Structure formats: C-alpha cells, structure tokens
Amino acid sequence: MKIEDTAIPVVKIVTPKKHGDARGFFSETYNRAAFEAAGLRLDFVQDNHAFSAAAGTLRGLHFQTPPFAQDKLLRVARGRILDVAVDIRRSSPTFGKHVAVELSAENWRQLLVPIGFAHGYVTLEPDTEVLYKTTNFYSPAHDRGVAWDDPGIGIVWPMPEGGPLLSDKDKRWPRLRNAEELFA
C-alpha cells in the first residue's frame, strides 16, 4: 500500500496493491497496520456506498461538525470521479484551499479526507459507484456544507452541458465566507 501526501499534506492519496491473474484480481483496500506505520491512527466505524447513474452528478461539499466530525477514506469501485477536499479549518494556513484528485476503478487510488475538510465529488462517467469509510457515524443534526461553486474556493469542476445534477440540499449551502460552523 502506497500512501502519498497531496498539496495539502494532511490529505493523502492511498494506492493499494492489486494482484491479478486470469481469474481477476485481489486487493487489500485497507490495512490498519499500514496506516499506523504511516502515522495515521483512524478508527473507521461506518462504510457507505453511493451509486450515481449520470455523469455530472455532483455530491458536496459536505462535512459534519463535532462531536460527529468524520475522517473519510474514499475509493471508486466502478467509473470515475473528481474528488475534492476543501480545508475549512479557520486557523490553517491552507484555509479555503482545496485538493482535487481523480479516482477511478482503473487507477485504484483512494483519497483520505481528514476532519476539518469539506468533501465533494463529481462523477465523470455514468453508473459510477463510490465506497467510503468514515470514522464517525452519520448525524443529520451535524450535517453541514459549503457551496460547491463558491468562487472564493475556485474549484474547476468538469461539467456536462447544462451543469451538474445536484440534490436540493447541495443547491442551498452557503459560501465558505458565510458558513458559521467551521473548524477552529
């Protein structure tokens, strides 16, 4: 398992080894000992699986506030996404900056998004499946977000003609400068 820093070093790209033969492949997609050897001590408690039928489906930018804040480890089982993590820690030198990484079933990379980051992705192919682990349980009362299209963040999302397919909730998040419940 290869674990690499991104432009914001606390956000990591994780690439598991993939062993293949005529039957198919085997991959150990998470190994606690490998993470701990890299200085990452995380206790995952929930696995999630999201399916998006259309290319251009955008989910995000989401986060949960304490005491239900979450680290996330994301991977793509089918299709491709542009996965984005935005630093929402007010005291951070990278506050408001983001990391964007393409994850796909083909490149087999994963993205580790730590607590203190808003997260979102857009599907680049139809019938995309995203799987992710979290270090805390989903709590609707602590669910928050920031606008996916906030010009102050400046994410360049690859979009289909007509724009993204969004949930009603994701259409209403405030811009980062107007978000009240961010991390210290």
N, C-alpha and C. Protein backbone atom coordinates (compact mmCIF):
# COMPACT_ATOMS: atom_id res chain seq x y z
N MET A 1 0.86 -1.17 0.00
CA MET A 1 0.00 0.00 0.00
C MET A 1 0.90 1.23 0.00
N LYS A 2 0.62 2.14 -0.94
CA LYS A 2 1.40 3.37 -1.06
C LYS A 2 0.56 4.51 -0.52
N ILE A 3 1.13 5.33 0.38
CA ILE A 3 0.42 6.46 0.96
C ILE A 3 1.24 7.72 0.68
N GLU A 4 0.63 8.67 -0.06
CA GLU A 4 1.33 9.87 -0.51
C GLU A 4 0.64 11.14 -0.01
N ASP A 5 1.43 12.18 0.23
CA ASP A 5 0.90 13.50 0.53
C ASP A 5 0.35 14.13 -0.74
N THR A 6 -0.57 15.07 -0.57
CA THR A 6 -1.06 15.91 -1.66
C THR A 6 -0.50 17.32 -1.43
N ALA A 7 -0.99 18.29 -2.18
CA ALA A 7 -0.57 19.68 -2.00
C ALA A 7 -0.90 20.18 -0.58
N ILE A 8 -1.92 19.60 0.04
CA ILE A 8 -2.22 19.86 1.45
C ILE A 8 -1.87 18.55 2.15
N PRO A 9 -0.71 18.47 2.80
CA PRO A 9 -0.16 17.18 3.24
C PRO A 9 -1.04 16.30 4.13
N VAL A 10 -2.00 16.87 4.86
CA VAL A 10 -2.86 16.01 5.69
C VAL A 10 -3.90 15.26 4.86
N VAL A 11 -4.11 15.68 3.62
CA VAL A 11 -4.97 14.95 2.68
C VAL A 11 -4.04 13.98 1.96
N LYS A 12 -4.38 12.70 1.96
CA LYS A 12 -3.49 11.66 1.44
C LYS A 12 -4.12 10.93 0.26
N ILE A 13 -3.25 10.52 -0.68
CA ILE A 13 -3.64 9.59 -1.73
C ILE A 13 -3.13 8.22 -1.30
N VAL A 14 -4.02 7.25 -1.27
CA VAL A 14 -3.69 5.89 -0.86
C VAL A 14 -3.89 4.99 -2.08
N THR A 15 -2.86 4.25 -2.44
CA THR A 15 -2.98 3.35 -3.59
C THR A 15 -2.68 1.93 -3.13
N PRO A 16 -3.70 1.11 -2.97
CA PRO A 16 -3.49 -0.28 -2.57
C PRO A 16 -2.86 -1.09 -3.70
N LYS A 17 -2.16 -2.13 -3.32
CA LYS A 17 -1.62 -3.06 -4.32
C LYS A 17 -2.78 -3.89 -4.87
N LYS A 18 -2.66 -4.22 -6.15
CA LYS A 18 -3.69 -5.01 -6.83
C LYS A 18 -2.98 -6.21 -7.46
N HIS A 19 -3.38 -7.39 -7.08
CA HIS A 19 -2.77 -8.62 -7.58
C HIS A 19 -3.76 -9.30 -8.51
N GLY A 20 -3.36 -9.45 -9.78
CA GLY A 20 -4.29 -10.00 -10.75
C GLY A 20 -3.73 -11.22 -11.47
N ASP A 21 -4.65 -12.03 -11.96
CA ASP A 21 -4.30 -13.17 -12.80
C ASP A 21 -5.52 -13.46 -13.70
N ALA A 22 -5.53 -14.61 -14.33
CA ALA A 22 -6.60 -14.95 -15.26
C ALA A 22 -7.98 -14.96 -14.61
N ARG A 23 -8.04 -15.15 -13.30
CA ARG A 23 -9.32 -15.20 -12.59
C ARG A 23 -9.90 -13.82 -12.32
N GLY A 24 -9.02 -12.80 -12.24
CA GLY A 24 -9.45 -11.46 -11.86
C GLY A 24 -8.38 -10.80 -11.02
N PHE A 25 -8.76 -10.22 -9.87
CA PHE A 25 -7.77 -9.59 -9.01
C PHE A 25 -8.16 -9.72 -7.55
N PHE A 26 -7.19 -9.44 -6.69
CA PHE A 26 -7.39 -9.32 -5.25
C PHE A 26 -6.67 -8.05 -4.80
N SER A 27 -7.30 -7.30 -3.89
CA SER A 27 -6.67 -6.10 -3.35
C SER A 27 -7.09 -5.92 -1.90
N GLU A 28 -6.12 -5.65 -1.07
CA GLU A 28 -6.38 -5.29 0.32
C GLU A 28 -6.56 -3.77 0.33
N THR A 29 -7.79 -3.29 0.40
CA THR A 29 -8.07 -1.87 0.23
C THR A 29 -7.85 -1.06 1.51
N TYR A 30 -7.76 -1.73 2.65
CA TYR A 30 -7.46 -1.04 3.90
C TYR A 30 -6.72 -2.01 4.80
N ASN A 31 -5.69 -1.49 5.47
CA ASN A 31 -4.93 -2.28 6.42
C ASN A 31 -4.52 -1.35 7.56
N ARG A 32 -5.06 -1.58 8.74
CA ARG A 32 -4.80 -0.69 9.88
C ARG A 32 -3.31 -0.58 10.18
N ALA A 33 -2.57 -1.68 10.11
CA ALA A 33 -1.13 -1.66 10.40
C ALA A 33 -0.39 -0.76 9.41
N ALA A 34 -0.74 -0.83 8.14
CA ALA A 34 -0.09 0.02 7.13
C ALA A 34 -0.40 1.50 7.39
N PHE A 35 -1.62 1.80 7.76
CA PHE A 35 -1.98 3.18 8.08
C PHE A 35 -1.22 3.66 9.31
N GLU A 36 -1.17 2.84 10.35
CA GLU A 36 -0.46 3.24 11.56
C GLU A 36 1.03 3.42 11.30
N ALA A 37 1.61 2.59 10.43
CA ALA A 37 3.02 2.74 10.07
C ALA A 37 3.27 4.08 9.38
N ALA A 38 2.25 4.62 8.72
CA ALA A 38 2.34 5.93 8.07
C ALA A 38 1.92 7.07 9.01
N GLY A 39 1.69 6.75 10.28
CA GLY A 39 1.30 7.76 11.26
C GLY A 39 -0.17 8.10 11.26
N LEU A 40 -0.99 7.27 10.65
CA LEU A 40 -2.43 7.51 10.55
C LEU A 40 -3.17 6.57 11.48
N ARG A 41 -3.65 7.08 12.58
CA ARG A 41 -4.38 6.27 13.56
C ARG A 41 -5.86 6.63 13.47
N LEU A 42 -6.59 5.82 12.74
CA LEU A 42 -8.00 6.08 12.49
C LEU A 42 -8.82 4.86 12.88
N ASP A 43 -9.99 5.11 13.43
CA ASP A 43 -10.90 4.03 13.80
C ASP A 43 -12.16 4.18 12.95
N PHE A 44 -12.21 3.44 11.85
CA PHE A 44 -13.37 3.52 10.96
C PHE A 44 -14.55 2.76 11.58
N VAL A 45 -15.74 3.39 11.53
CA VAL A 45 -16.93 2.81 12.17
C VAL A 45 -18.10 2.60 11.21
N GLN A 46 -18.01 3.14 10.00
CA GLN A 46 -19.14 3.04 9.08
C GLN A 46 -18.62 2.96 7.65
N ASP A 47 -19.23 2.10 6.84
CA ASP A 47 -18.93 2.02 5.41
C ASP A 47 -20.16 2.51 4.64
N ASN A 48 -19.93 3.30 3.59
CA ASN A 48 -21.00 3.84 2.75
C ASN A 48 -20.74 3.47 1.30
N HIS A 49 -21.82 3.36 0.53
CA HIS A 49 -21.73 3.01 -0.89
C HIS A 49 -22.71 3.92 -1.62
N ALA A 50 -22.20 4.71 -2.57
CA ALA A 50 -23.05 5.63 -3.34
C ALA A 50 -23.00 5.27 -4.81
N PHE A 51 -24.16 5.23 -5.45
CA PHE A 51 -24.28 4.97 -6.88
C PHE A 51 -24.82 6.23 -7.53
N SER A 52 -24.21 6.64 -8.63
CA SER A 52 -24.69 7.79 -9.41
C SER A 52 -24.90 7.32 -10.85
N ALA A 53 -26.13 7.41 -11.33
CA ALA A 53 -26.47 6.92 -12.67
C ALA A 53 -25.89 7.80 -13.77
N ALA A 54 -25.90 9.11 -13.56
CA ALA A 54 -25.49 10.03 -14.63
C ALA A 54 -24.10 10.60 -14.40
N ALA A 55 -23.35 10.78 -15.47
CA ALA A 55 -22.12 11.57 -15.40
C ALA A 55 -22.54 13.01 -15.09
N GLY A 56 -21.73 13.72 -14.32
CA GLY A 56 -22.07 15.08 -13.94
C GLY A 56 -22.89 15.17 -12.66
N THR A 57 -23.04 14.05 -11.94
CA THR A 57 -23.70 14.08 -10.64
C THR A 57 -22.69 14.63 -9.64
N LEU A 58 -23.05 15.71 -8.96
CA LEU A 58 -22.15 16.34 -8.00
C LEU A 58 -22.72 16.16 -6.61
N ARG A 59 -21.90 15.64 -5.72
CA ARG A 59 -22.29 15.46 -4.31
C ARG A 59 -21.32 16.25 -3.47
N GLY A 60 -21.83 17.24 -2.73
CA GLY A 60 -20.95 18.02 -1.87
C GLY A 60 -21.22 19.50 -1.99
N LEU A 61 -20.47 20.18 -1.26
CA LEU A 61 -19.31 19.90 -0.41
C LEU A 61 -19.80 19.71 1.02
N HIS A 62 -19.62 18.52 1.58
CA HIS A 62 -20.19 18.14 2.87
C HIS A 62 -19.14 18.00 3.96
N PHE A 63 -19.60 18.17 5.20
CA PHE A 63 -18.82 17.84 6.39
C PHE A 63 -19.78 17.71 7.56
N GLN A 64 -19.29 17.14 8.64
CA GLN A 64 -20.07 17.07 9.88
C GLN A 64 -19.32 17.80 10.97
N THR A 65 -20.09 18.49 11.83
CA THR A 65 -19.50 19.23 12.94
C THR A 65 -19.28 18.30 14.13
N PRO A 66 -18.38 18.69 15.05
CA PRO A 66 -18.18 17.91 16.27
C PRO A 66 -19.48 17.86 17.08
N PRO A 67 -19.71 16.82 17.81
CA PRO A 67 -18.83 15.68 18.08
C PRO A 67 -18.96 14.55 17.04
N PHE A 68 -19.55 14.85 15.87
CA PHE A 68 -19.72 13.83 14.83
C PHE A 68 -18.86 14.10 13.59
N ALA A 69 -17.79 14.87 13.75
CA ALA A 69 -16.87 15.12 12.64
C ALA A 69 -16.30 13.78 12.16
N GLN A 70 -15.97 13.71 10.87
CA GLN A 70 -15.55 12.44 10.25
C GLN A 70 -14.30 12.59 9.40
N ASP A 71 -13.39 11.63 9.53
CA ASP A 71 -12.38 11.38 8.51
C ASP A 71 -13.07 10.46 7.50
N LYS A 72 -12.67 10.55 6.21
CA LYS A 72 -13.26 9.69 5.18
C LYS A 72 -12.15 9.10 4.32
N LEU A 73 -12.29 7.84 3.98
CA LEU A 73 -11.40 7.17 3.04
C LEU A 73 -12.26 6.70 1.87
N LEU A 74 -12.06 7.32 0.69
CA LEU A 74 -12.94 7.08 -0.47
C LEU A 74 -12.22 6.35 -1.58
N ARG A 75 -12.99 5.50 -2.28
CA ARG A 75 -12.48 4.82 -3.46
C ARG A 75 -13.63 4.60 -4.43
N VAL A 76 -13.27 4.32 -5.68
CA VAL A 76 -14.27 4.10 -6.73
C VAL A 76 -14.21 2.64 -7.14
N ALA A 77 -15.34 1.97 -7.08
CA ALA A 77 -15.42 0.56 -7.49
C ALA A 77 -15.77 0.43 -8.97
N ARG A 78 -16.51 1.44 -9.49
CA ARG A 78 -16.88 1.45 -10.91
C ARG A 78 -16.99 2.89 -11.36
N GLY A 79 -16.39 3.21 -12.50
CA GLY A 79 -16.46 4.57 -13.05
C GLY A 79 -15.29 5.44 -12.64
N ARG A 80 -15.54 6.77 -12.68
CA ARG A 80 -14.51 7.76 -12.36
C ARG A 80 -15.16 8.97 -11.72
N ILE A 81 -14.40 9.62 -10.81
CA ILE A 81 -14.85 10.87 -10.17
C ILE A 81 -13.69 11.85 -10.08
N LEU A 82 -14.01 13.12 -9.97
CA LEU A 82 -13.07 14.11 -9.49
C LEU A 82 -13.45 14.33 -8.04
N ASP A 83 -12.55 13.96 -7.14
CA ASP A 83 -12.80 14.02 -5.70
C ASP A 83 -12.10 15.25 -5.14
N VAL A 84 -12.80 16.01 -4.29
CA VAL A 84 -12.29 17.30 -3.82
C VAL A 84 -12.39 17.39 -2.31
N ALA A 85 -11.30 17.87 -1.68
CA ALA A 85 -11.27 18.15 -0.24
C ALA A 85 -10.91 19.62 -0.06
N VAL A 86 -11.72 20.37 0.71
CA VAL A 86 -11.52 21.79 0.94
C VAL A 86 -11.21 22.01 2.42
N ASP A 87 -10.10 22.68 2.69
CA ASP A 87 -9.69 22.96 4.07
C ASP A 87 -10.63 24.01 4.66
N ILE A 88 -11.37 23.63 5.71
CA ILE A 88 -12.29 24.57 6.38
C ILE A 88 -11.88 24.80 7.83
N ARG A 89 -10.59 24.64 8.11
CA ARG A 89 -10.03 24.92 9.43
C ARG A 89 -9.58 26.39 9.43
N ARG A 90 -10.31 27.24 10.13
CA ARG A 90 -10.07 28.68 10.09
C ARG A 90 -8.62 29.07 10.42
N SER A 91 -7.96 28.35 11.31
CA SER A 91 -6.60 28.71 11.71
C SER A 91 -5.53 28.10 10.81
N SER A 92 -5.92 27.36 9.80
CA SER A 92 -4.97 26.67 8.93
C SER A 92 -4.37 27.63 7.89
N PRO A 93 -3.09 27.48 7.58
CA PRO A 93 -2.51 28.29 6.50
C PRO A 93 -3.08 27.95 5.12
N THR A 94 -3.75 26.81 5.02
CA THR A 94 -4.37 26.43 3.74
C THR A 94 -5.90 26.57 3.78
N PHE A 95 -6.42 27.36 4.74
CA PHE A 95 -7.87 27.58 4.84
C PHE A 95 -8.41 28.05 3.49
N GLY A 96 -9.49 27.39 3.03
CA GLY A 96 -10.14 27.76 1.78
C GLY A 96 -9.48 27.17 0.54
N LYS A 97 -8.34 26.54 0.72
CA LYS A 97 -7.67 25.88 -0.41
C LYS A 97 -8.23 24.47 -0.57
N HIS A 98 -8.02 23.89 -1.75
CA HIS A 98 -8.57 22.57 -1.99
C HIS A 98 -7.57 21.68 -2.72
N VAL A 99 -7.83 20.39 -2.63
CA VAL A 99 -7.11 19.37 -3.36
C VAL A 99 -8.15 18.65 -4.21
N ALA A 100 -7.82 18.43 -5.49
CA ALA A 100 -8.71 17.70 -6.40
C ALA A 100 -7.93 16.54 -6.99
N VAL A 101 -8.48 15.32 -6.87
CA VAL A 101 -7.80 14.11 -7.33
C VAL A 101 -8.80 13.26 -8.10
N GLU A 102 -8.37 12.76 -9.26
CA GLU A 102 -9.23 11.83 -9.99
C GLU A 102 -9.07 10.45 -9.39
N LEU A 103 -10.19 9.85 -9.02
CA LEU A 103 -10.23 8.48 -8.53
C LEU A 103 -11.04 7.68 -9.54
N SER A 104 -10.58 6.45 -9.80
CA SER A 104 -11.32 5.61 -10.74
C SER A 104 -11.13 4.15 -10.39
N ALA A 105 -11.99 3.33 -10.95
CA ALA A 105 -11.83 1.88 -10.80
C ALA A 105 -10.52 1.46 -11.46
N GLU A 106 -10.11 2.18 -12.49
CA GLU A 106 -8.89 1.83 -13.21
C GLU A 106 -7.62 2.23 -12.46
N ASN A 107 -7.56 3.46 -11.92
CA ASN A 107 -6.31 3.89 -11.25
C ASN A 107 -6.21 3.38 -9.81
N TRP A 108 -7.30 2.92 -9.24
CA TRP A 108 -7.35 2.23 -7.96
C TRP A 108 -6.88 3.08 -6.78
N ARG A 109 -6.83 4.40 -6.98
CA ARG A 109 -6.40 5.29 -5.90
C ARG A 109 -7.57 5.56 -4.97
N GLN A 110 -7.22 5.93 -3.74
CA GLN A 110 -8.19 6.33 -2.74
C GLN A 110 -7.79 7.70 -2.23
N LEU A 111 -8.74 8.43 -1.64
CA LEU A 111 -8.42 9.72 -1.04
C LEU A 111 -8.82 9.68 0.42
N LEU A 112 -7.87 10.06 1.28
CA LEU A 112 -8.13 10.19 2.71
C LEU A 112 -8.40 11.66 2.99
N VAL A 113 -9.63 11.96 3.39
CA VAL A 113 -10.07 13.32 3.69
C VAL A 113 -10.20 13.43 5.20
N PRO A 114 -9.34 14.21 5.86
CA PRO A 114 -9.37 14.29 7.31
C PRO A 114 -10.48 15.20 7.85
N ILE A 115 -10.73 15.08 9.14
CA ILE A 115 -11.62 16.00 9.84
C ILE A 115 -11.10 17.42 9.60
N GLY A 116 -12.02 18.35 9.41
CA GLY A 116 -11.64 19.74 9.16
C GLY A 116 -11.68 20.10 7.68
N PHE A 117 -12.16 19.17 6.86
CA PHE A 117 -12.26 19.40 5.43
C PHE A 117 -13.69 19.14 4.96
N ALA A 118 -14.16 19.99 4.05
CA ALA A 118 -15.41 19.71 3.35
C ALA A 118 -15.05 18.82 2.17
N HIS A 119 -15.97 17.93 1.82
CA HIS A 119 -15.68 16.95 0.78
C HIS A 119 -16.80 16.91 -0.25
N GLY A 120 -16.40 16.71 -1.50
CA GLY A 120 -17.38 16.52 -2.56
C GLY A 120 -16.75 15.88 -3.77
N TYR A 121 -17.60 15.41 -4.67
CA TYR A 121 -17.09 14.84 -5.91
C TYR A 121 -18.13 14.98 -7.00
N VAL A 122 -17.61 14.92 -8.24
CA VAL A 122 -18.47 14.89 -9.41
C VAL A 122 -18.13 13.64 -10.20
N THR A 123 -19.17 12.96 -10.70
CA THR A 123 -18.94 11.75 -11.49
C THR A 123 -18.54 12.14 -12.91
N LEU A 124 -17.55 11.43 -13.43
CA LEU A 124 -17.03 11.69 -14.77
C LEU A 124 -17.52 10.66 -15.78
N GLU A 125 -18.19 9.62 -15.29
CA GLU A 125 -18.76 8.57 -16.14
C GLU A 125 -20.12 8.19 -15.58
N PRO A 126 -21.01 7.68 -16.43
CA PRO A 126 -22.28 7.17 -15.90
C PRO A 126 -22.05 5.89 -15.09
N ASP A 127 -23.02 5.57 -14.26
CA ASP A 127 -23.02 4.33 -13.46
C ASP A 127 -21.77 4.21 -12.59
N THR A 128 -21.44 5.28 -11.89
CA THR A 128 -20.27 5.31 -11.02
C THR A 128 -20.66 4.92 -9.60
N GLU A 129 -19.81 4.09 -9.00
CA GLU A 129 -20.02 3.65 -7.62
C GLU A 129 -18.83 4.06 -6.76
N VAL A 130 -19.14 4.76 -5.66
CA VAL A 130 -18.14 5.25 -4.72
C VAL A 130 -18.37 4.56 -3.38
N LEU A 131 -17.29 4.03 -2.81
CA LEU A 131 -17.35 3.41 -1.49
C LEU A 131 -16.46 4.21 -0.56
N TYR A 132 -16.94 4.41 0.67
CA TYR A 132 -16.08 5.13 1.61
C TYR A 132 -16.36 4.73 3.04
N LYS A 133 -15.27 4.79 3.80
CA LYS A 133 -15.28 4.51 5.23
C LYS A 133 -15.27 5.84 5.97
N THR A 134 -15.91 5.87 7.15
CA THR A 134 -15.88 7.07 7.98
C THR A 134 -15.51 6.71 9.42
N THR A 135 -14.92 7.68 10.10
CA THR A 135 -14.52 7.46 11.49
C THR A 135 -15.59 7.90 12.49
N ASN A 136 -16.74 8.31 11.99
CA ASN A 136 -17.85 8.63 12.88
C ASN A 136 -19.13 8.32 12.13
N PHE A 137 -20.21 8.19 12.87
CA PHE A 137 -21.49 7.84 12.29
C PHE A 137 -22.15 9.07 11.67
N TYR A 138 -23.00 8.84 10.69
CA TYR A 138 -23.76 9.93 10.09
C TYR A 138 -24.71 10.50 11.12
N SER A 139 -24.75 11.83 11.21
CA SER A 139 -25.66 12.52 12.11
C SER A 139 -26.33 13.66 11.36
N PRO A 140 -27.61 13.51 11.01
CA PRO A 140 -28.29 14.59 10.28
C PRO A 140 -28.22 15.93 11.01
N ALA A 141 -28.22 15.92 12.33
CA ALA A 141 -28.17 17.17 13.11
C ALA A 141 -26.82 17.88 13.00
N HIS A 142 -25.79 17.17 12.56
CA HIS A 142 -24.44 17.74 12.45
C HIS A 142 -23.98 17.86 11.00
N ASP A 143 -24.86 17.58 10.07
CA ASP A 143 -24.55 17.61 8.64
C ASP A 143 -24.53 19.05 8.15
N ARG A 144 -23.41 19.46 7.54
CA ARG A 144 -23.24 20.82 7.04
C ARG A 144 -22.60 20.78 5.67
N GLY A 145 -22.48 21.95 5.05
CA GLY A 145 -21.82 22.02 3.76
C GLY A 145 -21.48 23.44 3.38
N VAL A 146 -20.72 23.55 2.31
CA VAL A 146 -20.43 24.84 1.68
C VAL A 146 -20.72 24.69 0.19
N ALA A 147 -20.97 25.82 -0.45
CA ALA A 147 -21.37 25.84 -1.86
C ALA A 147 -20.31 25.22 -2.75
N TRP A 148 -20.73 24.30 -3.58
CA TRP A 148 -19.83 23.60 -4.50
C TRP A 148 -19.20 24.56 -5.51
N ASP A 149 -19.91 25.65 -5.82
CA ASP A 149 -19.47 26.58 -6.85
C ASP A 149 -18.98 27.90 -6.27
N ASP A 150 -18.55 27.90 -5.02
CA ASP A 150 -18.06 29.11 -4.36
C ASP A 150 -16.83 29.64 -5.11
N PRO A 151 -16.92 30.85 -5.70
CA PRO A 151 -15.78 31.37 -6.44
C PRO A 151 -14.57 31.64 -5.54
N GLY A 152 -14.80 31.82 -4.23
CA GLY A 152 -13.69 32.03 -3.30
C GLY A 152 -12.84 30.79 -3.12
N ILE A 153 -13.43 29.62 -3.38
CA ILE A 153 -12.67 28.36 -3.31
C ILE A 153 -12.05 28.08 -4.67
N GLY A 154 -12.78 28.31 -5.73
CA GLY A 154 -12.24 28.23 -7.08
C GLY A 154 -12.02 26.83 -7.63
N ILE A 155 -12.88 25.90 -7.28
CA ILE A 155 -12.76 24.54 -7.83
C ILE A 155 -13.17 24.56 -9.30
N VAL A 156 -12.35 23.95 -10.15
CA VAL A 156 -12.70 23.81 -11.56
C VAL A 156 -13.29 22.41 -11.72
N TRP A 157 -14.62 22.35 -11.73
CA TRP A 157 -15.33 21.09 -11.87
C TRP A 157 -15.53 20.78 -13.35
N PRO A 158 -15.20 19.61 -13.81
CA PRO A 158 -15.56 19.23 -15.18
C PRO A 158 -17.07 18.98 -15.22
N MET A 159 -17.75 19.72 -16.09
CA MET A 159 -19.22 19.66 -16.09
C MET A 159 -19.77 19.28 -17.45
N PRO A 160 -20.87 18.55 -17.44
CA PRO A 160 -21.58 18.32 -18.71
C PRO A 160 -22.32 19.60 -19.11
N GLU A 161 -22.72 19.67 -20.36
CA GLU A 161 -23.52 20.80 -20.80
C GLU A 161 -24.80 20.85 -19.96
N GLY A 162 -25.15 22.02 -19.48
CA GLY A 162 -26.33 22.15 -18.63
C GLY A 162 -26.01 22.12 -17.15
N GLY A 163 -24.76 21.84 -16.80
CA GLY A 163 -24.35 21.88 -15.39
C GLY A 163 -24.56 20.55 -14.68
N PRO A 164 -24.24 20.55 -13.38
CA PRO A 164 -24.28 19.30 -12.62
C PRO A 164 -25.69 18.90 -12.20
N LEU A 165 -25.83 17.64 -11.87
CA LEU A 165 -27.04 17.12 -11.25
C LEU A 165 -26.80 17.20 -9.74
N LEU A 166 -27.62 18.00 -9.05
CA LEU A 166 -27.43 18.28 -7.62
C LEU A 166 -28.67 17.90 -6.82
N SER A 167 -28.46 17.56 -5.55
CA SER A 167 -29.59 17.40 -4.63
C SER A 167 -30.09 18.79 -4.24
N ASP A 168 -31.31 18.88 -3.75
CA ASP A 168 -31.84 20.17 -3.30
C ASP A 168 -30.96 20.72 -2.18
N LYS A 169 -30.51 19.86 -1.29
CA LYS A 169 -29.67 20.28 -0.17
C LYS A 169 -28.37 20.92 -0.68
N ASP A 170 -27.75 20.30 -1.69
CA ASP A 170 -26.48 20.80 -2.19
C ASP A 170 -26.61 22.10 -2.97
N LYS A 171 -27.81 22.45 -3.36
CA LYS A 171 -28.05 23.74 -4.04
C LYS A 171 -28.10 24.90 -3.05
N ARG A 172 -28.27 24.60 -1.75
CA ARG A 172 -28.53 25.65 -0.75
C ARG A 172 -27.38 25.95 0.19
N TRP A 173 -26.26 25.25 0.11
CA TRP A 173 -25.17 25.50 1.06
C TRP A 173 -24.63 26.92 0.88
N PRO A 174 -24.18 27.55 1.98
CA PRO A 174 -23.62 28.91 1.88
C PRO A 174 -22.20 28.89 1.32
N ARG A 175 -21.76 30.05 0.89
CA ARG A 175 -20.35 30.20 0.53
C ARG A 175 -19.50 30.05 1.79
N LEU A 176 -18.25 29.71 1.59
CA LEU A 176 -17.36 29.47 2.72
C LEU A 176 -17.30 30.69 3.65
N ARG A 177 -17.21 31.88 3.10
CA ARG A 177 -17.10 33.08 3.94
C ARG A 177 -18.35 33.31 4.80
N ASN A 178 -19.49 32.72 4.40
CA ASN A 178 -20.74 32.89 5.16
C ASN A 178 -21.07 31.67 6.03
N ALA A 179 -20.28 30.63 5.96
CA ALA A 179 -20.54 29.42 6.75
C ALA A 179 -20.19 29.71 8.20
N GLU A 180 -21.09 29.35 9.09
CA GLU A 180 -20.91 29.67 10.51
C GLU A 180 -20.20 28.59 11.29
N GLU A 181 -20.47 27.34 11.01
CA GLU A 181 -19.94 26.26 11.84
C GLU A 181 -18.78 25.55 11.15
N LEU A 182 -17.63 26.22 11.15
CA LEU A 182 -16.41 25.62 10.59
C LEU A 182 -15.52 25.16 11.73
N PHE A 183 -14.35 24.69 11.41
CA PHE A 183 -13.42 24.19 12.42
C PHE A 183 -12.45 25.30 12.82
N ALA A 184 -12.01 25.26 14.08
CA ALA A 184 -11.11 26.32 14.61
C ALA A 184 -9.76 26.26 13.94
